[in-house]
Amino acid sequence: MKKIVFLISALLLSITYSFTQGCVAVRNISGFSQYLQSENGFTSSNWILNVNNRYFKSFRDFRGSEDLKTPSENESINRSYNLDLSTTHLLRNGWSISLAVPIVANSREASMEHGGPNTRRYTTHSFGLGDIRLIAGKWLLKPNENLKGNVQIGLGLKFATGDYKYQDYFHRTDSTTILAPVNPGIQLGDGGLGLISEINAYYRLNKTFSIYTDLYYLSSPREQNGVPVLGGRTPTDIQVKAGINETSVTDVYSLRAGVYLDLMDRLTISGGIRYEGVPVNDIIGGSGGTRRPGYNFSIEPGLIYRFNKISLYTYIPFIVSRSIDQSVPDQIVSELTNQYTVSPGGSGNYQLFIGVLLKL
């Protein structure tokens, strides 16, 4: 009974903390075995349920790696919260099938897309189902409890289940509003079918230390989803020529690597790096439309506490460097104006992951 009370308290704490706290598109792009790989590599359970809470706040504007130091009254602040519910069915010989259903709550506080700079700030919101993911995975070595290490390959699909045309009201004056699609940074989905590939691996150096790595790539063949990005405003001629008014459906990638340190039977700490972002050009299909390509590079400490069939974990990637790169529309604008152009984009200082994994 005490374990159940502790579990419920941890879940409530994670949700409460996440809410109390633009853009490189840092969506919830976690692979299924991103956390606790060695536990997933061998278990007598047939099912694994993972409840993952993620929070990210974007409020700092960058062009390239330069911090533009936007005055606070003109900052565009994106807050993104994802509750990711994933279940994995373990099959024979290291095969598995995983399904993830995200519930997303986002907000964007800004003045620029309402009355303009140095005017009153307003907030737009989005809430609902995100893009569902389905992946088949295979451990290359047949799992057993004596293995020192293993590698898992995963392939799957991301479905366009999240509303990518979500609308809210934009203020032109205190009394005049217009209903239009919210900023792409807080949309619930991207409107495209995605192709997922991932590689997860771990190796035990000894009873205390082990190393891990995770590679994740989401390929999006669709180029644009037809959703305007200007908050109900009419695009200029140059914005039309550059394709700025439509939202790009982007590829997304993530790379993690680090070390686990087992302090005792139940407690593990970890330290690693995290590199994630959006490329300028997609692997498949075109790359037109508005996107904020770039990356975040983070130092990622973590903490895991285990019960018999329950594991609690938290990871806090602290962003130490980031960059906003020149997009395809920026390249077109540069050609049209004979002036090098990079649109600014947002980033933050950290992300927060808090989760519970249950072996059923």
Protein backbone atom coordinates (compact mmCIF):
# COMPACT_ATOMS: atom_id res chain seq x y z
CA MET A 1 0.00 0.00 0.00
CA LYS A 2 2.87 2.38 0.81
CA LYS A 3 4.34 1.78 -2.65
CA ILE A 4 1.04 2.65 -4.32
CA VAL A 5 0.71 5.85 -2.27
CA PHE A 6 4.30 6.78 -3.14
CA LEU A 7 3.71 6.15 -6.84
CA ILE A 8 0.55 8.27 -6.94
CA SER A 9 2.30 11.06 -5.03
CA ALA A 10 5.19 11.01 -7.48
CA LEU A 11 2.84 11.30 -10.46
CA LEU A 12 0.94 14.20 -8.91
CA LEU A 13 4.18 15.94 -7.99
CA SER A 14 5.52 15.59 -11.51
CA ILE A 15 2.38 17.07 -13.06
CA THR A 16 2.21 19.93 -10.54
CA TYR A 17 5.89 20.80 -10.89
CA SER A 18 5.71 20.74 -14.69
CA PHE A 19 2.97 23.37 -14.76
CA THR A 20 4.66 25.72 -12.31
CA GLN A 21 7.59 26.53 -13.96
CA GLY A 22 9.32 28.94 -29.63
CA CYS A 23 11.43 27.97 -31.67
CA VAL A 24 13.57 25.00 -32.46
CA ALA A 25 10.86 22.37 -32.58
CA VAL A 26 11.65 20.42 -29.42
CA ARG A 27 8.65 18.14 -29.36
CA ASN A 28 8.48 15.00 -27.25
CA ILE A 29 10.65 12.95 -29.56
CA SER A 30 11.80 10.32 -27.06
CA GLY A 31 12.40 6.80 -28.29
CA PHE A 32 10.68 3.99 -26.44
CA SER A 33 13.81 2.54 -24.86
CA GLN A 34 15.42 5.90 -24.25
CA TYR A 35 15.35 5.33 -20.50
CA LEU A 36 16.27 2.22 -18.48
CA GLN A 37 17.54 0.21 -21.47
CA SER A 38 19.15 -2.53 -19.38
CA GLU A 39 15.87 -3.09 -17.51
CA ASN A 40 14.01 -3.40 -20.80
CA GLY A 41 16.71 -5.67 -22.19
CA PHE A 42 15.70 -8.53 -19.91
CA THR A 43 12.55 -8.92 -17.85
CA SER A 44 10.14 -11.72 -16.98
CA SER A 45 7.19 -9.35 -17.55
CA ASN A 46 5.15 -9.43 -20.74
CA TRP A 47 4.11 -5.77 -20.64
CA ILE A 48 5.82 -2.49 -19.75
CA LEU A 49 3.89 0.73 -19.09
CA ASN A 50 5.81 4.00 -19.18
CA VAL A 51 4.27 7.30 -18.01
CA ASN A 52 6.61 10.11 -19.09
CA ASN A 53 6.06 13.79 -18.23
CA ARG A 54 8.07 16.38 -20.19
CA TYR A 55 8.23 20.15 -19.72
CA PHE A 56 10.06 22.75 -21.82
CA LYS A 57 10.01 26.55 -21.70
CA SER A 58 11.31 28.55 -24.65
CA PHE A 59 11.85 32.28 -24.06
CA ARG A 60 15.30 33.27 -25.37
CA ASP A 61 15.68 34.41 -29.01
CA PHE A 62 18.69 33.32 -31.05
CA ARG A 63 20.00 33.97 -34.55
CA GLY A 64 22.67 31.41 -35.22
CA SER A 65 24.28 30.95 -31.80
CA GLU A 66 23.90 34.65 -30.91
CA ASP A 67 21.56 35.47 -28.04
CA LEU A 68 19.53 38.47 -29.23
CA LYS A 69 18.74 39.47 -25.62
CA THR A 70 15.17 40.42 -26.50
CA PRO A 71 13.65 42.86 -23.97
CA SER A 72 11.32 41.04 -21.59
CA GLU A 73 8.26 42.97 -22.80
CA ASN A 74 8.81 41.62 -26.33
CA GLU A 75 9.76 38.03 -25.44
CA SER A 76 7.72 35.23 -26.97
CA ILE A 77 7.39 32.57 -24.28
CA ASN A 78 6.39 29.03 -25.29
CA ARG A 79 5.53 26.53 -22.56
CA SER A 80 5.19 22.91 -23.67
CA TYR A 81 3.94 20.05 -21.48
CA ASN A 82 3.57 16.44 -22.70
CA LEU A 83 2.13 13.49 -20.81
CA ASP A 84 3.36 10.53 -22.86
CA LEU A 85 1.58 7.22 -22.14
CA SER A 86 3.38 4.31 -23.78
CA THR A 87 2.85 0.56 -23.50
CA THR A 88 5.22 -2.13 -24.76
CA HIS A 89 4.32 -5.77 -25.38
CA LEU A 90 7.39 -8.02 -25.10
CA LEU A 91 7.42 -10.93 -27.55
CA ARG A 92 9.78 -13.85 -28.04
CA ASN A 93 13.45 -13.64 -29.02
CA GLY A 94 13.82 -9.96 -28.19
CA TRP A 95 10.96 -8.62 -30.30
CA SER A 96 8.58 -5.99 -28.97
CA ILE A 97 5.73 -3.74 -30.11
CA SER A 98 5.27 -0.30 -28.52
CA LEU A 99 2.47 2.24 -28.72
CA ALA A 100 2.73 5.81 -27.37
CA VAL A 101 -0.20 8.19 -26.90
CA PRO A 102 0.77 11.79 -25.98
CA ILE A 103 -1.51 14.30 -24.28
CA VAL A 104 -0.24 17.82 -24.97
CA ALA A 105 -0.82 21.18 -23.25
CA ASN A 106 0.97 24.20 -24.77
CA SER A 107 0.84 27.98 -24.43
CA ARG A 108 2.51 30.98 -26.07
CA GLU A 109 2.67 34.39 -24.41
CA ALA A 110 3.66 37.22 -26.74
CA SER A 111 3.01 40.72 -27.99
CA MET A 112 4.62 40.50 -31.44
CA GLU A 113 1.89 38.41 -33.11
CA HIS A 114 -0.92 40.41 -31.50
CA GLY A 115 -0.63 44.21 -31.39
CA GLY A 116 3.08 44.29 -32.23
CA PRO A 117 6.25 45.17 -30.29
CA ASN A 118 5.89 47.11 -27.03
CA THR A 119 2.15 46.43 -26.83
CA ARG A 120 0.11 44.41 -24.37
CA ARG A 121 0.99 40.70 -24.10
CA TYR A 122 -1.59 37.96 -24.71
CA THR A 123 -1.52 34.17 -24.46
CA THR A 124 -2.70 31.56 -26.96
CA HIS A 125 -3.20 27.91 -25.97
CA SER A 126 -3.52 24.41 -27.38
CA PHE A 127 -4.58 21.22 -25.61
CA GLY A 128 -5.42 17.70 -26.72
CA LEU A 129 -4.16 14.50 -28.28
CA GLY A 130 -0.74 14.63 -29.93
CA ASP A 131 0.74 12.46 -32.68
CA ILE A 132 0.53 8.74 -31.80
CA ARG A 133 3.60 6.56 -32.43
CA LEU A 134 3.85 2.80 -33.12
CA ILE A 135 7.22 1.00 -33.20
CA ALA A 136 8.43 -2.57 -33.60
CA GLY A 137 11.74 -3.25 -31.84
CA LYS A 138 14.28 -6.08 -31.87
CA TRP A 139 17.22 -6.75 -29.53
CA LEU A 140 20.04 -8.10 -31.69
CA LEU A 141 21.12 -10.56 -29.00
CA LYS A 142 18.51 -12.81 -27.41
CA PRO A 143 17.79 -11.19 -24.03
CA ASN A 144 18.93 -12.98 -20.90
CA GLU A 145 19.95 -11.83 -17.45
CA ASN A 146 23.63 -12.68 -17.98
CA LEU A 147 24.18 -10.37 -20.96
CA LYS A 148 26.62 -7.52 -20.34
CA GLY A 149 25.21 -5.49 -23.20
CA ASN A 150 22.82 -5.43 -26.12
CA VAL A 151 21.66 -3.33 -29.08
CA GLN A 152 18.04 -2.70 -30.02
CA ILE A 153 16.83 -1.62 -33.47
CA GLY A 154 13.41 0.04 -33.79
CA LEU A 155 11.30 0.98 -36.83
CA GLY A 156 7.85 2.51 -36.78
CA LEU A 157 5.34 5.17 -37.74
CA LYS A 158 4.17 8.49 -36.34
CA PHE A 159 0.54 9.12 -37.20
CA ALA A 160 -1.00 12.56 -37.81
CA THR A 161 -3.49 12.27 -34.94
CA GLY A 162 -2.68 15.62 -33.29
CA ASP A 163 -4.64 18.66 -34.43
CA TYR A 164 -2.15 20.62 -36.55
CA LYS A 165 -4.70 23.37 -37.32
CA TYR A 166 -5.50 24.26 -33.71
CA GLN A 167 -6.89 27.80 -33.44
CA ASP A 168 -7.11 30.48 -30.78
CA TYR A 169 -7.83 34.20 -30.67
CA PHE A 170 -5.22 36.81 -31.61
CA HIS A 171 -5.68 40.39 -30.39
CA ARG A 172 -5.26 43.30 -32.77
CA THR A 173 -6.42 45.72 -30.06
CA ASP A 174 -7.80 45.18 -26.56
CA SER A 175 -11.29 44.85 -28.06
CA THR A 176 -10.60 43.37 -31.52
CA THR A 177 -9.68 39.71 -31.99
CA ILE A 178 -9.30 37.28 -34.87
CA LEU A 179 -9.49 33.48 -34.80
CA ALA A 180 -6.45 31.88 -36.49
CA PRO A 181 -4.09 28.88 -36.22
CA VAL A 182 -1.70 29.11 -33.26
CA ASN A 183 2.06 29.31 -33.72
CA PRO A 184 3.66 26.09 -35.10
CA GLY A 185 5.71 25.83 -31.91
CA ILE A 186 2.58 25.05 -29.87
CA GLN A 187 0.53 23.05 -32.39
CA LEU A 188 -0.51 19.56 -31.19
CA GLY A 189 0.82 17.80 -34.30
CA ASP A 190 2.51 18.45 -37.63
CA GLY A 191 -0.05 16.93 -40.02
CA GLY A 192 2.32 14.40 -41.59
CA LEU A 193 2.90 10.66 -41.48
CA GLY A 194 6.37 10.12 -40.04
CA LEU A 195 8.87 7.28 -40.43
CA ILE A 196 10.66 6.45 -37.17
CA SER A 197 14.02 4.75 -36.78
CA GLU A 198 15.92 4.31 -33.54
CA ILE A 199 18.91 2.49 -32.08
CA ASN A 200 19.32 1.92 -28.34
CA ALA A 201 22.31 0.22 -26.73
CA TYR A 202 23.89 -0.41 -23.34
CA TYR A 203 27.00 -2.15 -22.01
CA ARG A 204 27.89 -3.03 -18.40
CA LEU A 205 31.53 -2.24 -17.65
CA ASN A 206 31.27 -3.79 -14.18
CA LYS A 207 28.77 -4.10 -11.34
CA THR A 208 28.81 -0.35 -10.77
CA PHE A 209 29.26 1.33 -14.17
CA SER A 210 27.46 0.94 -17.47
CA ILE A 211 27.28 3.05 -20.61
CA TYR A 212 24.32 3.82 -22.87
CA THR A 213 23.49 5.47 -26.19
CA ASP A 214 20.24 6.28 -28.00
CA LEU A 215 19.75 7.46 -31.58
CA TYR A 216 16.33 8.60 -32.79
CA TYR A 217 15.27 10.01 -36.17
CA LEU A 218 11.81 10.97 -37.37
CA SER A 219 11.58 11.42 -41.14
CA SER A 220 8.61 13.39 -42.51
CA PRO A 221 8.02 12.95 -46.27
CA ARG A 222 5.29 15.61 -46.37
CA GLU A 223 6.75 19.03 -47.16
CA GLN A 224 4.10 21.47 -45.90
CA ASN A 225 0.74 21.03 -44.16
CA GLY A 226 -1.04 24.11 -45.55
CA VAL A 227 -1.47 25.84 -42.17
CA PRO A 228 -0.64 29.58 -42.18
CA VAL A 229 1.83 30.82 -39.58
CA LEU A 230 1.15 34.56 -39.43
CA GLY A 231 -1.60 34.61 -36.81
CA GLY A 232 -4.30 35.73 -39.25
CA ARG A 233 -2.22 38.46 -40.91
CA THR A 234 -1.91 38.79 -44.71
CA PRO A 235 1.51 37.72 -46.02
CA THR A 236 3.68 40.18 -47.92
CA ASP A 237 4.76 39.52 -51.51
CA ILE A 238 8.22 38.39 -50.43
CA GLN A 239 6.75 36.07 -47.78
CA VAL A 240 4.57 34.47 -50.46
CA LYS A 241 7.53 34.05 -52.85
CA ALA A 242 9.65 32.48 -50.09
CA GLY A 243 6.84 30.18 -48.89
CA ILE A 244 6.98 31.66 -45.41
CA ASN A 245 3.21 31.63 -44.83
CA GLU A 246 2.87 27.82 -44.66
CA THR A 247 4.07 25.47 -41.93
CA SER A 248 6.84 23.03 -42.84
CA VAL A 249 6.55 19.38 -41.76
CA THR A 250 10.04 18.74 -40.43
CA ASP A 251 12.34 15.86 -39.68
CA VAL A 252 13.39 15.63 -36.02
CA TYR A 253 16.41 13.93 -34.44
CA SER A 254 17.83 13.13 -31.01
CA LEU A 255 21.12 11.62 -29.81
CA ARG A 256 21.92 10.66 -26.21
CA ALA A 257 24.97 9.01 -24.64
CA GLY A 258 26.28 8.67 -21.12
CA VAL A 259 27.14 6.61 -18.07
CA TYR A 260 25.04 4.94 -15.35
CA LEU A 261 26.41 4.62 -11.81
CA ASP A 262 24.65 2.07 -9.57
CA LEU A 263 25.01 3.37 -6.01
CA MET A 264 22.98 0.57 -4.45
CA ASP A 265 20.42 -2.07 -5.44
CA ARG A 266 17.63 0.46 -5.93
CA LEU A 267 19.32 3.79 -6.73
CA THR A 268 21.14 4.76 -9.94
CA ILE A 269 22.46 8.13 -11.08
CA SER A 270 23.47 8.96 -14.62
CA GLY A 271 25.36 11.62 -16.50
CA GLY A 272 25.34 12.17 -20.23
CA ILE A 273 24.89 14.45 -23.20
CA ARG A 274 21.82 15.15 -25.33
CA TYR A 275 21.86 16.61 -28.86
CA GLU A 276 18.53 17.22 -30.58
CA GLY A 277 16.87 19.44 -33.12
CA VAL A 278 15.49 19.98 -36.61
CA PRO A 279 17.61 19.77 -39.80
CA VAL A 280 17.54 22.41 -42.53
CA ASN A 281 16.71 19.78 -45.16
CA ASP A 282 14.64 16.63 -44.69
CA ILE A 283 15.96 13.24 -45.79
CA ILE A 284 12.78 12.50 -47.81
CA GLY A 285 10.63 15.12 -49.53
CA GLY A 286 10.95 18.88 -49.75
CA SER A 287 11.95 21.28 -46.99
CA GLY A 288 9.96 24.41 -47.89
CA GLY A 289 7.69 26.33 -45.57
CA THR A 290 8.37 27.94 -42.22
CA ARG A 291 10.55 25.96 -39.83
CA ARG A 292 13.20 26.90 -37.30
CA PRO A 293 16.05 24.49 -38.03
CA GLY A 294 18.76 24.20 -35.44
CA TYR A 295 19.82 22.24 -32.38
CA ASN A 296 20.04 22.18 -28.60
CA PHE A 297 23.07 20.58 -26.96
CA SER A 298 22.57 19.64 -23.31
CA ILE A 299 24.29 18.08 -20.33
CA GLU A 300 21.82 15.53 -18.98
CA PRO A 301 22.01 14.30 -15.36
CA GLY A 302 19.49 11.68 -14.26
CA LEU A 303 18.23 9.77 -11.24
CA ILE A 304 16.47 6.38 -11.09
CA TYR A 305 14.89 4.67 -8.07
CA ARG A 306 13.57 1.12 -8.33
CA PHE A 307 11.00 -0.99 -6.56
CA ASN A 308 10.36 -4.62 -7.53
CA LYS A 309 8.32 -3.86 -10.67
CA ILE A 310 8.24 -0.06 -10.54
CA SER A 311 10.97 2.42 -11.48
CA LEU A 312 10.81 6.18 -10.92
CA TYR A 313 13.13 8.38 -12.96
CA THR A 314 13.92 12.01 -13.67
CA TYR A 315 16.26 13.61 -16.19
CA ILE A 316 17.01 17.33 -16.48
CA PRO A 317 18.90 18.24 -19.68
CA PHE A 318 20.56 21.64 -19.12
CA ILE A 319 21.08 23.36 -22.48
CA VAL A 320 24.67 24.58 -22.79
CA SER A 321 24.69 25.57 -26.48
CA ARG A 322 22.18 26.02 -29.26
CA SER A 323 21.89 27.46 -32.75
CA ILE A 324 19.15 28.61 -35.14
CA ASP A 325 20.17 27.87 -38.73
CA GLN A 326 19.16 29.38 -42.05
CA SER A 327 15.97 27.75 -43.35
CA VAL A 328 14.98 27.21 -46.99
CA PRO A 329 12.68 30.32 -46.97
CA ASP A 330 15.58 32.30 -45.45
CA GLN A 331 17.75 31.17 -48.36
CA ILE A 332 15.11 32.33 -50.85
CA VAL A 333 14.77 35.71 -49.11
CA SER A 334 18.57 36.07 -49.17
CA GLU A 335 18.56 35.49 -52.94
CA LEU A 336 15.68 37.93 -53.51
CA THR A 337 17.17 40.72 -51.39
CA ASN A 338 20.89 40.04 -51.90
CA GLN A 339 21.20 40.15 -48.11
CA TYR A 340 22.04 37.16 -45.90
CA THR A 341 18.97 36.37 -43.80
CA VAL A 342 18.43 34.07 -40.81
CA SER A 343 15.10 34.29 -39.01
CA PRO A 344 15.46 34.23 -35.22
CA GLY A 345 14.12 31.33 -33.21
CA GLY A 346 13.53 30.49 -29.58
CA SER A 347 15.21 28.25 -27.06
CA GLY A 348 15.31 27.80 -23.29
CA ASN A 349 17.66 26.80 -20.49
CA TYR A 350 16.56 23.26 -19.64
CA GLN A 351 14.02 20.49 -20.12
CA LEU A 352 12.43 18.36 -17.44
CA PHE A 353 11.53 14.66 -17.73
CA ILE A 354 9.82 12.83 -14.86
CA GLY A 355 8.44 9.34 -15.36
CA VAL A 356 7.25 6.06 -13.95
CA LEU A 357 7.91 2.68 -15.56
CA LEU A 358 5.81 -0.32 -14.48
CA LYS A 359 6.47 -3.95 -15.38
CA LEU A 360 3.15 -5.78 -15.62
